[in-house]
Amino acid sequence: MESVTLSDSLNAGPLALLLQGVLSDTARRHGDRLPGLSCRLGMIASDSREEVTLVFGDNGCLILNTLIEPDLTFEAESELLPRLQMVPTLLGLPLFVSPAGLDLMLSLLRRPLRIRGLTLLFVNPARAGRAILDTARLVRLLAGTY
């Protein structure tokens, strides 16, 4: 069974397919699983306006082709996650002072990452905290692929 699946592969857009590839590569590096993740993250590609929800659980991820009750939503250019894979790691943590890390940071200055749903901190702090922690874990899992 695949650790990263699309909810509707027939109608999957470019962002969903890109995320499936990136997350599948990441899962393969971690024993065909995405350990420790259990939230719902929304992703909006600012360059194409495509929206998806990443539903993490059971060491895998289901990619939905729209935003459905995400804990947090990130809006950025679709190239962000593949570029994050280029950032090397040191002791398991992304090394953002590397050339690839600095290039990623400069890109974020030119086209910033937007976060939606932080009001969840006031409504359900435990759920929001889990989503923030899972986001940090996901960044750590993604970095250092190449």
C-alpha atoms as a PDB file:
ATOM      1  CA  MET A   1       0.000   0.000   0.000  1.00  0.00           C
ATOM      2  CA  GLU A   2       1.223   3.476  -0.868  1.00  0.00           C
ATOM      3  CA  SER A   3       2.055   5.753   2.048  1.00  0.00           C
ATOM      4  CA  VAL A   4       0.983   8.826   0.011  1.00  0.00           C
ATOM      5  CA  THR A   5      -2.238   8.608  -1.981  1.00  0.00           C
ATOM      6  CA  LEU A   6      -4.460  10.935  -3.975  1.00  0.00           C
ATOM      7  CA  SER A   7      -8.156  11.032  -3.115  1.00  0.00           C
ATOM      8  CA  ASP A   8      -9.107  11.404  -6.771  1.00  0.00           C
ATOM      9  CA  SER A   9      -6.208  10.705  -9.113  1.00  0.00           C
ATOM     10  CA  LEU A  10      -8.354  11.337 -12.196  1.00  0.00           C
ATOM     11  CA  ASN A  11      -8.914  14.984 -11.235  1.00  0.00           C
ATOM     12  CA  ALA A  12      -5.558  15.623  -9.575  1.00  0.00           C
ATOM     13  CA  GLY A  13      -4.009  18.917 -10.553  1.00  0.00           C
ATOM     14  CA  PRO A  14      -0.327  19.754 -10.897  1.00  0.00           C
ATOM     15  CA  LEU A  15       0.054  20.735  -7.221  1.00  0.00           C
ATOM     16  CA  ALA A  16      -1.485  17.477  -5.974  1.00  0.00           C
ATOM     17  CA  LEU A  17       0.747  15.426  -8.283  1.00  0.00           C
ATOM     18  CA  LEU A  18       3.831  17.420  -7.267  1.00  0.00           C
ATOM     19  CA  LEU A  19       3.054  16.950  -3.572  1.00  0.00           C
ATOM     20  CA  GLN A  20       2.444  13.239  -4.088  1.00  0.00           C
ATOM     21  CA  GLY A  21       5.872  12.891  -5.701  1.00  0.00           C
ATOM     22  CA  VAL A  22       7.692  14.948  -3.071  1.00  0.00           C
ATOM     23  CA  LEU A  23       5.975  13.249  -0.129  1.00  0.00           C
ATOM     24  CA  SER A  24       6.404   9.775  -1.653  1.00  0.00           C
ATOM     25  CA  ASP A  25      10.154  10.396  -2.057  1.00  0.00           C
ATOM     26  CA  THR A  26      10.301  11.597   1.533  1.00  0.00           C
ATOM     27  CA  ALA A  27       8.368   8.576   2.802  1.00  0.00           C
ATOM     28  CA  ARG A  28      10.705   6.207   0.934  1.00  0.00           C
ATOM     29  CA  ARG A  29      13.678   7.746   2.760  1.00  0.00           C
ATOM     30  CA  HIS A  30      11.923   7.110   6.072  1.00  0.00           C
ATOM     31  CA  GLY A  31      10.935   3.468   5.670  1.00  0.00           C
ATOM     32  CA  ASP A  32       7.882   4.100   3.453  1.00  0.00           C
ATOM     33  CA  ARG A  33       6.196   6.189   6.109  1.00  0.00           C
ATOM     34  CA  LEU A  34       5.826   9.759   7.328  1.00  0.00           C
ATOM     35  CA  PRO A  35       6.387   9.268  11.061  1.00  0.00           C
ATOM     36  CA  GLY A  36       4.807  11.419  13.734  1.00  0.00           C
ATOM     37  CA  LEU A  37       2.447  13.448  11.554  1.00  0.00           C
ATOM     38  CA  SER A  38      -1.282  13.558  12.325  1.00  0.00           C
ATOM     39  CA  CYS A  39      -2.725  16.910  11.268  1.00  0.00           C
ATOM     40  CA  ARG A  40      -4.483  18.407   8.255  1.00  0.00           C
ATOM     41  CA  LEU A  41      -2.447  20.966   6.317  1.00  0.00           C
ATOM     42  CA  GLY A  42      -3.902  23.041   3.513  1.00  0.00           C
ATOM     43  CA  MET A  43      -1.693  24.113   0.624  1.00  0.00           C
ATOM     44  CA  ILE A  44      -2.481  26.808  -1.914  1.00  0.00           C
ATOM     45  CA  ALA A  45      -0.174  27.331  -4.878  1.00  0.00           C
ATOM     46  CA  SER A  46       0.025  31.091  -5.330  1.00  0.00           C
ATOM     47  CA  ASP A  47       1.190  30.645  -8.924  1.00  0.00           C
ATOM     48  CA  SER A  48      -1.768  28.474 -10.020  1.00  0.00           C
ATOM     49  CA  ARG A  49      -4.351  29.037  -7.203  1.00  0.00           C
ATOM     50  CA  GLU A  50      -4.730  25.257  -6.866  1.00  0.00           C
ATOM     51  CA  GLU A  51      -5.779  24.116  -3.385  1.00  0.00           C
ATOM     52  CA  VAL A  52      -5.172  20.772  -1.667  1.00  0.00           C
ATOM     53  CA  THR A  53      -5.415  19.349   1.836  1.00  0.00           C
ATOM     54  CA  LEU A  54      -2.780  16.978   3.189  1.00  0.00           C
ATOM     55  CA  VAL A  55      -4.373  14.629   5.706  1.00  0.00           C
ATOM     56  CA  PHE A  56      -1.620  12.960   7.739  1.00  0.00           C
ATOM     57  CA  GLY A  57      -2.203   9.879   9.855  1.00  0.00           C
ATOM     58  CA  ASP A  58      -1.191   6.230  10.206  1.00  0.00           C
ATOM     59  CA  ASN A  59       2.346   7.146   9.023  1.00  0.00           C
ATOM     60  CA  GLY A  60       1.015   8.237   5.625  1.00  0.00           C
ATOM     61  CA  CYS A  61      -0.791  11.031   3.821  1.00  0.00           C
ATOM     62  CA  LEU A  62      -3.997  11.361   1.829  1.00  0.00           C
ATOM     63  CA  ILE A  63      -4.056  14.299  -0.599  1.00  0.00           C
ATOM     64  CA  LEU A  64      -7.497  15.841  -1.118  1.00  0.00           C
ATOM     65  CA  ASN A  65      -8.092  17.970  -4.230  1.00  0.00           C
ATOM     66  CA  THR A  66      -9.557  20.911  -2.302  1.00  0.00           C
ATOM     67  CA  LEU A  67      -9.356  22.582   1.097  1.00  0.00           C
ATOM     68  CA  ILE A  68     -11.367  20.557   3.620  1.00  0.00           C
ATOM     69  CA  GLU A  69     -11.076  21.656   7.250  1.00  0.00           C
ATOM     70  CA  PRO A  70      -7.310  22.202   7.375  1.00  0.00           C
ATOM     71  CA  ASP A  71      -5.705  22.954  10.736  1.00  0.00           C
ATOM     72  CA  LEU A  72      -3.368  25.438   9.038  1.00  0.00           C
ATOM     73  CA  THR A  73      -3.135  26.562   5.430  1.00  0.00           C
ATOM     74  CA  PHE A  74       0.048  27.634   3.680  1.00  0.00           C
ATOM     75  CA  GLU A  75       0.069  29.738   0.537  1.00  0.00           C
ATOM     76  CA  ALA A  76       3.298  29.796  -1.464  1.00  0.00           C
ATOM     77  CA  GLU A  77       4.630  29.086  -4.911  1.00  0.00           C
ATOM     78  CA  SER A  78       4.419  25.432  -5.855  1.00  0.00           C
ATOM     79  CA  GLU A  79       8.209  25.164  -6.152  1.00  0.00           C
ATOM     80  CA  LEU A  80       8.712  25.662  -2.392  1.00  0.00           C
ATOM     81  CA  LEU A  81       8.614  22.011  -1.268  1.00  0.00           C
ATOM     82  CA  PRO A  82      10.885  20.667  -4.027  1.00  0.00           C
ATOM     83  CA  ARG A  83      13.365  23.447  -3.189  1.00  0.00           C
ATOM     84  CA  LEU A  84      13.193  22.502   0.471  1.00  0.00           C
ATOM     85  CA  GLN A  85      14.392  19.024  -0.519  1.00  0.00           C
ATOM     86  CA  MET A  86      17.615  20.638  -1.771  1.00  0.00           C
ATOM     87  CA  VAL A  87      18.476  22.051   1.669  1.00  0.00           C
ATOM     88  CA  PRO A  88      21.080  19.812   3.332  1.00  0.00           C
ATOM     89  CA  THR A  89      20.672  18.600   6.887  1.00  0.00           C
ATOM     90  CA  LEU A  90      23.060  18.534   9.824  1.00  0.00           C
ATOM     91  CA  LEU A  91      22.222  16.137  12.654  1.00  0.00           C
ATOM     92  CA  GLY A  92      18.779  15.661  11.105  1.00  0.00           C
ATOM     93  CA  LEU A  93      17.943  19.385  11.004  1.00  0.00           C
ATOM     94  CA  PRO A  94      17.729  21.582   7.886  1.00  0.00           C
ATOM     95  CA  LEU A  95      20.868  23.655   7.383  1.00  0.00           C
ATOM     96  CA  PHE A  96      19.426  26.971   6.199  1.00  0.00           C
ATOM     97  CA  VAL A  97      22.859  28.660   6.192  1.00  0.00           C
ATOM     98  CA  SER A  98      23.888  26.458   3.251  1.00  0.00           C
ATOM     99  CA  PRO A  99      23.823  27.839  -0.315  1.00  0.00           C
ATOM    100  CA  ALA A 100      20.549  25.978  -1.044  1.00  0.00           C
ATOM    101  CA  GLY A 101      19.074  27.171   2.271  1.00  0.00           C
ATOM    102  CA  LEU A 102      20.036  30.790   1.661  1.00  0.00           C
ATOM    103  CA  ASP A 103      18.623  30.597  -1.858  1.00  0.00           C
ATOM    104  CA  LEU A 104      15.356  29.294  -0.410  1.00  0.00           C
ATOM    105  CA  MET A 105      15.264  32.105   2.162  1.00  0.00           C
ATOM    106  CA  LEU A 106      15.880  34.743  -0.529  1.00  0.00           C
ATOM    107  CA  SER A 107      13.064  33.221  -2.572  1.00  0.00           C
ATOM    108  CA  LEU A 108      10.761  33.497   0.456  1.00  0.00           C
ATOM    109  CA  LEU A 109      11.679  37.159   0.823  1.00  0.00           C
ATOM    110  CA  ARG A 110      10.722  37.829  -2.805  1.00  0.00           C
ATOM    111  CA  ARG A 111       7.540  35.737  -2.672  1.00  0.00           C
ATOM    112  CA  PRO A 112       6.573  35.257   0.976  1.00  0.00           C
ATOM    113  CA  LEU A 113       4.880  32.252   2.468  1.00  0.00           C
ATOM    114  CA  ARG A 114       1.468  33.098   3.904  1.00  0.00           C
ATOM    115  CA  ILE A 115      -0.097  31.179   6.765  1.00  0.00           C
ATOM    116  CA  ARG A 116      -3.851  31.074   7.271  1.00  0.00           C
ATOM    117  CA  GLY A 117      -5.774  29.659  10.188  1.00  0.00           C
ATOM    118  CA  LEU A 118      -3.684  30.929  13.078  1.00  0.00           C
ATOM    119  CA  THR A 119      -6.906  32.005  14.789  1.00  0.00           C
ATOM    120  CA  LEU A 120      -7.235  28.319  15.607  1.00  0.00           C
ATOM    121  CA  LEU A 121      -4.727  29.083  18.384  1.00  0.00           C
ATOM    122  CA  PHE A 122      -7.556  30.847  20.239  1.00  0.00           C
ATOM    123  CA  VAL A 123     -10.307  28.362  19.402  1.00  0.00           C
ATOM    124  CA  ASN A 124      -8.437  25.072  19.806  1.00  0.00           C
ATOM    125  CA  PRO A 125      -4.866  25.647  21.024  1.00  0.00           C
ATOM    126  CA  ALA A 126      -4.054  21.926  21.223  1.00  0.00           C
ATOM    127  CA  ARG A 127      -5.051  21.315  17.584  1.00  0.00           C
ATOM    128  CA  ALA A 128      -3.181  24.421  16.399  1.00  0.00           C
ATOM    129  CA  GLY A 129      -0.109  23.483  18.417  1.00  0.00           C
ATOM    130  CA  ARG A 130      -0.155  19.994  16.917  1.00  0.00           C
ATOM    131  CA  ALA A 131      -0.370  21.454  13.393  1.00  0.00           C
ATOM    132  CA  ILE A 132       2.556  23.807  14.065  1.00  0.00           C
ATOM    133  CA  LEU A 133       4.624  20.951  15.508  1.00  0.00           C
ATOM    134  CA  ASP A 134       3.722  18.693  12.576  1.00  0.00           C
ATOM    135  CA  THR A 135       4.736  21.451  10.144  1.00  0.00           C
ATOM    136  CA  ALA A 136       8.167  21.642  11.779  1.00  0.00           C
ATOM    137  CA  ARG A 137       8.457  17.829  11.598  1.00  0.00           C
ATOM    138  CA  LEU A 138       7.447  17.859   7.934  1.00  0.00           C
ATOM    139  CA  VAL A 139      10.112  20.474   7.124  1.00  0.00           C
ATOM    140  CA  ARG A 140      12.664  18.290   8.900  1.00  0.00           C
ATOM    141  CA  LEU A 141      11.537  15.187   6.977  1.00  0.00           C
ATOM    142  CA  LEU A 142      11.574  16.990   3.613  1.00  0.00           C
ATOM    143  CA  ALA A 143      14.992  18.630   3.916  1.00  0.00           C
ATOM    144  CA  GLY A 144      18.087  16.814   2.774  1.00  0.00           C
ATOM    145  CA  THR A 145      16.628  14.591   0.094  1.00  0.00           C
ATOM    146  CA  TYR A 146      19.312  15.474  -2.449  1.00  0.00           C
END
